[in-house]
Amino acid sequence: MSRKIKLIGILLISFSSLCFAQNDEHKSSFFQPEYLFGKIIPVSSYGPFPEDGYQHAIAISYGVTNSDTTKWGRYYNQPETGLMFLYSNLGNNEVFGHQFSLLPFISFKVFNRLKTPFKLRLGAGISYFTHTFDSINNPQNELIGAEFTWDVKVFLYKTLYKHKGFNLQLGAGFSHESNGHTKLPNLGINSPMVSLSAQFYNNENANYYYSKRVKRGNVGPKNYFFTVRQGIGIHEQDETEGPQMGKLKPVYASTVSSSILFNNHMKVRAGFTYRFYQHYYDHLQDTNVIGLSDNPNWNATNISFFLGNEFLLGHTSIDAELGVNLHKPFYRTFNPKNDLALNLQKILYTRIGMNLYLINTQEMPKHNVFIGTHIKANNVKADYTEFTLGYTYKLN
């Protein structure tokens, strides 16, 4: 198993254990078997998409309901956190094989005015695929180029029947698997899915806690922070970026930002990031690219401005940002077309993942450090997988 997968695994286990460990006296546990049914959205770069049937999956989740009325459980209206174990048959065993997944998740109540509110579940974890792309033995599988990939699931659940410690739920959502551009090809698997599941709680009061709407109240004034972080990414150059495919090289990312913390839980920030792509630099050193090779250091860099938000959950956070590329000459030169999708890839980037803090963020420490793992994309096209070390300073 690669070092990258080990690091992702450590972060996932840490995320899950901290979710379970915080404020145990305010939690009720549940067990949830689930059947999922869907269809892979066909996509192919070079030829017809392989014949495939419907996708069938079986999942087992274990989680807890946080009924804490004083801290983050109150602010997020008693969310659920847990782990999902999933097996999926993708509809063509010879090409796509089988999928095994492990996903930490968090669920929030939405449309709270309803008697039985909906639940929005966000899950991000890791998948293992038994079949991957092989230019000789499996050339049709352009979706998955690596055995281990990221796995992201977004689902909305509606309770059909509720009695004491039992919930019967209908779900609908979207599943995405991708290796984050660390090994090509990487078209990824995108599947709309529906599900039927049952939640069995360890006590009858769990449903009472979950149905009761909790008022957040004014939990604190605004706080201001300054943050620096250093990231290292794992990136493979694709066919639109030059001929050096098949080689993994680093991307170095340095970031400074300032942020405002609202109600001790939503950390809105703005900042700048400087990135240096080793692939781009080596390409400009080895090849005479007019207008770029005369200054390879500067033309292998990317400078961007971004807006972002962290949803703080004690020691952990869900982290997302949207940025604008102010300087990225290499990518623009090797992607000269002007269609809308490509122009958005040149201009915008997205970055999403999670952070793990040394000190509980609810304690408002003056100094704190964190590690994180993220996927960075050119708009929605994966660019690289990033690991981060950061420091944050409370200004007031």
Protein backbone atom coordinates (compact mmCIF):
# COMPACT_ATOMS: atom_id res chain seq x y z
CA MET A 1 0.00 0.00 0.00
CA SER A 2 1.37 3.42 -0.98
CA ARG A 3 2.36 6.11 1.48
CA LYS A 4 -0.46 8.29 0.14
CA ILE A 5 -3.10 5.70 1.01
CA LYS A 6 -1.64 5.18 4.48
CA LEU A 7 -1.82 8.92 5.17
CA ILE A 8 -5.40 9.12 3.95
CA GLY A 9 -6.30 6.11 6.09
CA ILE A 10 -4.77 7.65 9.22
CA LEU A 11 -6.74 10.87 8.69
CA LEU A 12 -9.98 8.98 8.10
CA ILE A 13 -9.56 6.89 11.24
CA SER A 14 -8.66 10.00 13.25
CA PHE A 15 -11.70 11.86 11.89
CA SER A 16 -14.02 9.00 12.80
CA SER A 17 -12.60 8.34 16.26
CA LEU A 18 -12.77 12.00 17.22
CA CYS A 19 -16.37 12.26 16.02
CA PHE A 20 -17.29 9.29 18.21
CA ALA A 21 -15.20 10.36 21.19
CA GLN A 22 -16.47 13.90 21.75
CA ASN A 23 -19.10 14.33 24.50
CA ASP A 24 -20.04 10.63 24.70
CA GLU A 25 -22.60 11.29 27.45
CA HIS A 26 -24.73 13.17 24.90
CA LYS A 27 -24.81 10.47 22.22
CA SER A 28 -27.01 7.58 21.20
CA SER A 29 -25.66 4.97 18.79
CA PHE A 30 -27.36 3.33 15.83
CA PHE A 31 -26.81 0.50 13.36
CA GLN A 32 -27.98 0.97 9.74
CA PRO A 33 -28.13 -1.69 6.98
CA GLU A 34 -28.82 -0.22 3.54
CA TYR A 35 -29.45 -1.33 -0.05
CA LEU A 36 -28.45 1.08 -2.85
CA PHE A 37 -29.39 0.97 -6.54
CA GLY A 38 -28.00 3.16 -9.32
CA LYS A 39 -26.39 3.55 -12.73
CA ILE A 40 -22.94 4.75 -13.79
CA ILE A 41 -23.10 7.84 -16.01
CA PRO A 42 -21.37 6.80 -19.28
CA VAL A 43 -18.23 8.77 -20.17
CA SER A 44 -15.31 7.83 -22.42
CA SER A 45 -12.39 9.67 -24.02
CA TYR A 46 -11.44 7.38 -26.90
CA GLY A 47 -14.18 4.92 -27.75
CA PRO A 48 -17.64 3.58 -26.93
CA PHE A 49 -18.47 3.14 -23.25
CA PRO A 50 -18.45 -0.56 -22.24
CA GLU A 51 -21.78 -2.28 -21.80
CA ASP A 52 -22.90 -2.11 -18.19
CA GLY A 53 -25.98 -2.97 -16.17
CA TYR A 54 -27.31 -1.38 -13.03
CA GLN A 55 -25.20 -0.76 -9.95
CA HIS A 56 -26.16 -2.65 -6.79
CA ALA A 57 -24.60 -1.95 -3.39
CA ILE A 58 -24.98 -3.11 0.19
CA ALA A 59 -23.83 -0.86 3.03
CA ILE A 60 -23.63 -1.17 6.79
CA SER A 61 -23.24 2.00 8.86
CA TYR A 62 -22.54 2.53 12.53
CA GLY A 63 -23.01 5.98 13.97
CA VAL A 64 -24.02 8.19 16.86
CA THR A 65 -26.56 10.98 17.29
CA ASN A 66 -25.14 14.01 19.10
CA SER A 67 -27.77 15.50 21.43
CA ASP A 68 -25.35 17.88 23.16
CA THR A 69 -27.22 21.20 23.67
CA THR A 70 -24.21 23.37 24.51
CA LYS A 71 -21.57 23.12 21.76
CA TRP A 72 -21.31 21.98 18.13
CA GLY A 73 -24.10 19.43 18.53
CA ARG A 74 -26.51 22.26 19.30
CA TYR A 75 -25.28 24.52 16.51
CA TYR A 76 -25.68 21.81 13.85
CA ASN A 77 -29.03 20.73 15.36
CA GLN A 78 -27.97 17.33 16.71
CA PRO A 79 -26.12 15.78 13.75
CA GLU A 80 -25.21 12.14 13.21
CA THR A 81 -21.62 11.02 12.68
CA GLY A 82 -20.35 7.58 11.83
CA LEU A 83 -18.69 5.11 9.48
CA MET A 84 -20.13 3.40 6.41
CA PHE A 85 -18.79 0.08 5.05
CA LEU A 86 -19.96 -0.55 1.47
CA TYR A 87 -19.71 -3.23 -1.21
CA SER A 88 -20.82 -2.41 -4.76
CA ASN A 89 -21.29 -4.42 -7.96
CA LEU A 90 -20.79 -1.84 -10.72
CA GLY A 91 -22.72 -3.60 -13.50
CA ASN A 92 -19.84 -5.10 -15.51
CA ASN A 93 -17.61 -7.39 -13.47
CA GLU A 94 -15.11 -8.03 -16.29
CA VAL A 95 -14.34 -4.33 -16.89
CA PHE A 96 -15.12 -2.53 -13.62
CA GLY A 97 -14.85 -5.37 -11.12
CA HIS A 98 -16.05 -4.84 -7.56
CA GLN A 99 -15.83 -1.89 -5.17
CA PHE A 100 -15.21 -1.88 -1.40
CA SER A 101 -15.49 1.42 0.49
CA LEU A 102 -14.98 2.93 3.94
CA LEU A 103 -16.50 6.38 4.50
CA PRO A 104 -16.75 8.57 7.59
CA PHE A 105 -19.95 10.62 7.34
CA ILE A 106 -21.95 13.38 9.00
CA SER A 107 -25.72 13.91 8.65
CA PHE A 108 -27.63 17.13 9.23
CA LYS A 109 -31.36 17.73 9.62
CA VAL A 110 -32.80 19.89 6.83
CA PHE A 111 -36.32 21.25 6.29
CA ASN A 112 -36.63 21.27 10.08
CA ARG A 113 -40.20 22.55 10.19
CA LEU A 114 -41.47 19.18 9.00
CA LYS A 115 -42.62 16.64 11.60
CA THR A 116 -40.04 14.15 10.31
CA PRO A 117 -37.28 16.29 8.77
CA PHE A 118 -35.04 15.19 5.96
CA LYS A 119 -31.41 14.27 6.66
CA LEU A 120 -28.56 15.40 4.44
CA ARG A 121 -25.59 13.03 4.68
CA LEU A 122 -22.09 13.96 3.50
CA GLY A 123 -19.51 11.18 3.31
CA ALA A 124 -15.88 11.25 2.20
CA GLY A 125 -13.59 8.25 2.36
CA ILE A 126 -11.62 5.69 0.40
CA SER A 127 -12.55 2.92 -2.07
CA TYR A 128 -10.71 -0.16 -3.31
CA PHE A 129 -11.42 -1.50 -6.83
CA THR A 130 -10.59 -5.04 -7.89
CA HIS A 131 -10.27 -4.05 -11.60
CA THR A 132 -8.44 -0.97 -12.94
CA PHE A 133 -7.28 0.32 -16.31
CA ASP A 134 -4.70 -1.78 -18.14
CA SER A 135 -3.68 -0.83 -21.68
CA ILE A 136 -3.49 -4.52 -22.67
CA ASN A 137 -5.78 -6.50 -20.38
CA ASN A 138 -8.46 -3.93 -19.51
CA PRO A 139 -8.30 -0.96 -21.91
CA GLN A 140 -12.04 -0.21 -21.67
CA ASN A 141 -11.85 0.84 -18.03
CA GLU A 142 -10.96 4.52 -18.44
CA LEU A 143 -12.91 5.39 -15.29
CA ILE A 144 -10.52 3.99 -12.69
CA GLY A 145 -6.75 4.10 -13.10
CA ALA A 146 -5.78 3.22 -9.50
CA GLU A 147 -6.87 0.51 -7.08
CA PHE A 148 -7.41 3.03 -4.26
CA THR A 149 -9.49 6.15 -4.86
CA TRP A 150 -11.34 8.87 -3.04
CA ASP A 151 -15.03 8.17 -2.48
CA VAL A 152 -17.52 11.01 -1.96
CA LYS A 153 -21.24 10.50 -1.37
CA VAL A 154 -24.01 13.07 -0.91
CA PHE A 155 -27.44 11.68 0.02
CA LEU A 156 -30.80 13.03 1.18
CA TYR A 157 -32.88 10.72 3.39
CA LYS A 158 -36.58 10.85 4.24
CA THR A 159 -38.11 8.86 7.10
CA LEU A 160 -40.99 6.70 5.87
CA TYR A 161 -41.83 5.09 9.20
CA LYS A 162 -40.67 5.77 12.74
CA HIS A 163 -41.39 3.88 15.95
CA LYS A 164 -39.40 4.26 19.16
CA GLY A 165 -35.81 3.33 18.26
CA PHE A 166 -36.48 2.37 14.63
CA ASN A 167 -36.42 4.47 11.41
CA LEU A 168 -37.24 3.22 7.90
CA GLN A 169 -35.70 5.60 5.36
CA LEU A 170 -35.79 6.26 1.61
CA GLY A 171 -32.66 7.92 0.22
CA ALA A 172 -31.52 9.52 -3.02
CA GLY A 173 -28.13 10.93 -3.89
CA PHE A 174 -24.94 10.94 -5.86
CA SER A 175 -21.74 8.88 -5.58
CA HIS A 176 -18.33 9.87 -7.00
CA GLU A 177 -15.05 7.91 -7.03
CA SER A 178 -11.78 9.37 -8.29
CA ASN A 179 -8.07 9.06 -7.46
CA GLY A 180 -7.59 12.84 -7.48
CA HIS A 181 -5.41 12.87 -10.61
CA THR A 182 -2.63 10.85 -8.97
CA LYS A 183 -2.79 8.13 -11.64
CA LEU A 184 -4.23 8.32 -15.16
CA PRO A 185 -6.67 7.65 -16.70
CA ASN A 186 -8.96 9.19 -14.12
CA LEU A 187 -12.37 9.92 -15.63
CA GLY A 188 -13.94 8.75 -12.38
CA ILE A 189 -17.20 6.99 -11.58
CA ASN A 190 -20.31 9.14 -11.19
CA SER A 191 -23.52 7.39 -10.15
CA PRO A 192 -26.96 8.73 -9.21
CA MET A 193 -28.42 6.29 -6.69
CA VAL A 194 -31.48 5.57 -4.56
CA SER A 195 -31.51 3.56 -1.35
CA LEU A 196 -33.69 1.93 1.27
CA SER A 197 -32.33 1.66 4.81
CA ALA A 198 -33.31 1.00 8.41
CA GLN A 199 -31.81 2.63 11.50
CA PHE A 200 -31.83 0.67 14.77
CA TYR A 201 -31.01 2.86 17.78
CA ASN A 202 -29.71 1.58 21.09
CA ASN A 203 -32.47 3.38 23.01
CA GLU A 204 -35.99 4.62 22.36
CA ASN A 205 -35.16 8.25 23.16
CA ALA A 206 -32.84 8.57 20.16
CA ASN A 207 -35.72 9.37 17.83
CA TYR A 208 -37.02 11.94 20.31
CA TYR A 209 -33.68 13.71 20.27
CA TYR A 210 -33.52 13.56 16.52
CA SER A 211 -37.02 14.94 15.93
CA LYS A 212 -36.77 17.80 18.41
CA ARG A 213 -35.64 21.07 16.89
CA VAL A 214 -33.04 22.83 19.03
CA LYS A 215 -32.69 26.61 18.96
CA ARG A 216 -29.12 27.69 18.39
CA GLY A 217 -29.26 31.02 20.15
CA ASN A 218 -26.39 33.48 20.21
CA VAL A 219 -23.43 31.26 21.12
CA GLY A 220 -20.66 33.82 20.87
CA PRO A 221 -19.24 36.96 19.22
CA LYS A 222 -17.23 37.03 16.02
CA ASN A 223 -13.57 36.02 16.29
CA TYR A 224 -10.75 36.78 13.86
CA PHE A 225 -7.89 34.50 12.77
CA PHE A 226 -4.73 34.51 10.68
CA THR A 227 -3.71 31.18 9.10
CA VAL A 228 -0.70 29.88 7.21
CA ARG A 229 -0.46 26.43 5.69
CA GLN A 230 2.00 24.42 3.60
CA GLY A 231 0.76 21.68 1.32
CA ILE A 232 2.34 19.06 -0.89
CA GLY A 233 0.35 17.52 -3.71
CA ILE A 234 0.67 14.34 -5.78
CA HIS A 235 0.14 15.08 -9.48
CA GLU A 236 0.39 13.23 -12.79
CA GLN A 237 0.69 15.25 -15.97
CA ASP A 238 -2.06 14.46 -18.49
CA GLU A 239 -2.19 14.70 -22.26
CA THR A 240 -3.26 18.37 -22.17
CA GLU A 241 -0.16 19.34 -20.17
CA GLY A 242 2.62 17.79 -22.20
CA PRO A 243 4.15 14.38 -22.99
CA GLN A 244 5.38 13.32 -19.51
CA MET A 245 2.46 11.06 -18.64
CA GLY A 246 2.86 8.22 -16.17
CA LYS A 247 5.15 10.10 -13.78
CA LEU A 248 4.11 11.34 -10.34
CA LYS A 249 5.72 14.59 -9.22
CA PRO A 250 4.98 17.02 -6.38
CA VAL A 251 3.08 20.27 -6.27
CA TYR A 252 4.10 22.65 -3.46
CA ALA A 253 1.41 25.02 -2.15
CA SER A 254 1.94 27.87 0.34
CA THR A 255 -1.10 29.78 1.61
CA VAL A 256 -1.85 32.80 3.80
CA SER A 257 -5.39 33.75 4.78
CA SER A 258 -7.48 35.70 7.27
CA SER A 259 -10.84 34.53 8.56
CA ILE A 260 -13.90 35.48 10.60
CA LEU A 261 -15.46 32.87 12.88
CA PHE A 262 -19.24 33.14 13.19
CA ASN A 263 -20.97 31.58 16.24
CA ASN A 264 -17.82 29.55 17.00
CA HIS A 265 -18.58 27.15 14.14
CA MET A 266 -18.47 28.71 10.67
CA LYS A 267 -15.01 30.02 9.72
CA VAL A 268 -15.24 32.16 6.57
CA ARG A 269 -11.87 33.07 5.07
CA ALA A 270 -10.11 34.80 2.19
CA GLY A 271 -6.50 34.47 1.11
CA PHE A 272 -3.84 33.83 -1.50
CA THR A 273 -2.05 30.62 -2.54
CA TYR A 274 1.29 30.18 -4.33
CA ARG A 275 1.77 26.79 -6.06
CA PHE A 276 4.83 25.38 -7.78
CA TYR A 277 4.32 22.45 -10.17
CA GLN A 278 7.44 20.29 -10.50
CA HIS A 279 6.03 18.69 -13.67
CA TYR A 280 5.66 22.08 -15.34
CA TYR A 281 9.16 23.19 -14.32
CA ASP A 282 10.82 20.01 -15.59
CA HIS A 283 8.91 20.23 -18.85
CA LEU A 284 10.08 23.82 -19.43
CA GLN A 285 13.66 22.85 -18.58
CA ASP A 286 13.66 19.92 -21.00
CA THR A 287 11.65 21.50 -23.83
CA ASN A 288 11.90 24.89 -25.50
CA VAL A 289 8.39 26.32 -25.12
CA ILE A 290 8.22 29.77 -26.69
CA GLY A 291 7.26 32.40 -24.14
CA LEU A 292 7.63 30.03 -21.15
CA SER A 293 11.04 28.31 -21.11
CA ASP A 294 12.92 31.60 -20.73
CA ASN A 295 11.68 31.79 -17.12
CA PRO A 296 10.72 28.24 -15.99
CA ASN A 297 10.42 29.06 -12.28
CA TRP A 298 7.84 31.79 -12.78
CA ASN A 299 5.94 30.00 -15.54
CA ALA A 300 5.67 26.76 -13.55
CA THR A 301 3.83 28.60 -10.77
CA ASN A 302 0.21 29.34 -10.00
CA ILE A 303 -0.97 32.31 -7.94
CA SER A 304 -4.61 32.40 -6.89
CA PHE A 305 -7.09 34.24 -4.69
CA PHE A 306 -9.79 32.28 -2.87
CA LEU A 307 -12.82 32.43 -0.59
CA GLY A 308 -13.50 29.47 1.68
CA ASN A 309 -15.36 28.14 4.68
CA GLU A 310 -14.68 25.60 7.40
CA PHE A 311 -17.49 23.89 9.31
CA LEU A 312 -15.83 23.34 12.69
CA LEU A 313 -16.69 20.10 14.54
CA GLY A 314 -14.43 20.20 17.60
CA HIS A 315 -11.10 18.64 16.64
CA THR A 316 -12.18 18.20 13.01
CA SER A 317 -13.59 20.35 10.22
CA ILE A 318 -15.14 20.04 6.78
CA ASP A 319 -13.21 22.45 4.55
CA ALA A 320 -14.09 23.91 1.13
CA GLU A 321 -12.88 26.80 -1.00
CA LEU A 322 -13.45 28.39 -4.41
CA GLY A 323 -10.57 30.25 -6.04
CA VAL A 324 -9.65 32.36 -9.04
CA ASN A 325 -6.35 31.77 -10.86
CA LEU A 326 -4.51 35.08 -11.18
CA HIS A 327 -1.42 33.50 -12.78
CA LYS A 328 -1.16 30.01 -14.35
CA PRO A 329 0.58 30.43 -17.72
CA PHE A 330 1.59 26.80 -18.31
CA TYR A 331 -1.96 25.45 -18.05
CA ARG A 332 -3.33 28.23 -20.25
CA THR A 333 -0.67 27.63 -22.93
CA PHE A 334 -1.31 23.88 -23.13
CA ASN A 335 -5.11 24.33 -23.12
CA PRO A 336 -5.62 26.89 -25.89
CA LYS A 337 -9.26 26.12 -26.75
CA ASN A 338 -11.97 28.60 -25.76
CA ASP A 339 -15.06 26.49 -25.01
CA LEU A 340 -16.95 27.32 -21.83
CA ALA A 341 -15.93 24.25 -19.78
CA LEU A 342 -12.22 24.70 -20.55
CA ASN A 343 -12.31 28.43 -19.84
CA LEU A 344 -13.83 27.72 -16.42
CA GLN A 345 -11.01 25.22 -15.76
CA LYS A 346 -8.44 27.91 -16.59
CA ILE A 347 -10.08 30.54 -14.39
CA LEU A 348 -11.61 28.75 -11.40
CA TYR A 349 -10.44 26.09 -9.00
CA THR A 350 -12.11 24.19 -6.17
CA ARG A 351 -10.58 22.53 -3.13
CA ILE A 352 -12.45 20.33 -0.67
CA GLY A 353 -11.42 18.03 2.18
CA MET A 354 -11.07 17.87 5.94
CA ASN A 355 -8.73 19.11 8.65
CA LEU A 356 -7.73 17.59 11.97
CA TYR A 357 -6.84 20.09 14.76
CA LEU A 358 -4.52 19.43 17.68
CA ILE A 359 -6.65 21.49 20.12
CA ASN A 360 -10.45 21.40 20.16
CA THR A 361 -11.57 24.48 18.20
CA GLN A 362 -14.47 25.05 20.62
CA GLU A 363 -11.92 25.98 23.30
CA MET A 364 -10.90 29.04 21.23
CA PRO A 365 -7.12 28.53 21.60
CA LYS A 366 -4.83 31.44 20.77
CA HIS A 367 -2.56 29.06 18.81
CA ASN A 368 -3.56 25.87 17.04
CA VAL A 369 -2.07 23.53 14.43
CA PHE A 370 -3.76 21.15 12.02
CA ILE A 371 -3.15 18.56 9.33
CA GLY A 372 -5.46 18.03 6.37
CA THR A 373 -6.14 16.10 3.21
CA HIS A 374 -7.90 17.62 0.19
CA ILE A 375 -8.69 17.25 -3.50
CA LYS A 376 -7.79 20.28 -5.61
CA ALA A 377 -9.51 20.62 -8.99
CA ASN A 378 -9.48 22.89 -12.02
CA ASN A 379 -13.12 23.86 -11.65
CA VAL A 380 -14.47 20.27 -11.38
CA LYS A 381 -11.63 18.43 -13.19
CA ALA A 382 -9.29 16.81 -10.64
CA ASP A 383 -5.81 18.37 -10.48
CA TYR A 384 -4.06 16.71 -7.54
CA THR A 385 -4.42 15.22 -4.06
CA GLU A 386 -2.92 17.42 -1.33
CA PHE A 387 -1.70 16.89 2.24
CA THR A 388 -1.42 19.97 4.45
CA LEU A 389 0.23 21.18 7.65
CA GLY A 390 -1.09 24.47 8.99
CA TYR A 391 -1.00 26.96 11.85
CA THR A 392 -3.76 29.34 12.95
CA TYR A 393 -3.50 32.36 15.26
CA LYS A 394 -6.48 34.00 17.02
CA LEU A 395 -6.21 37.77 16.63
CA ASN A 396 -8.68 38.90 19.34
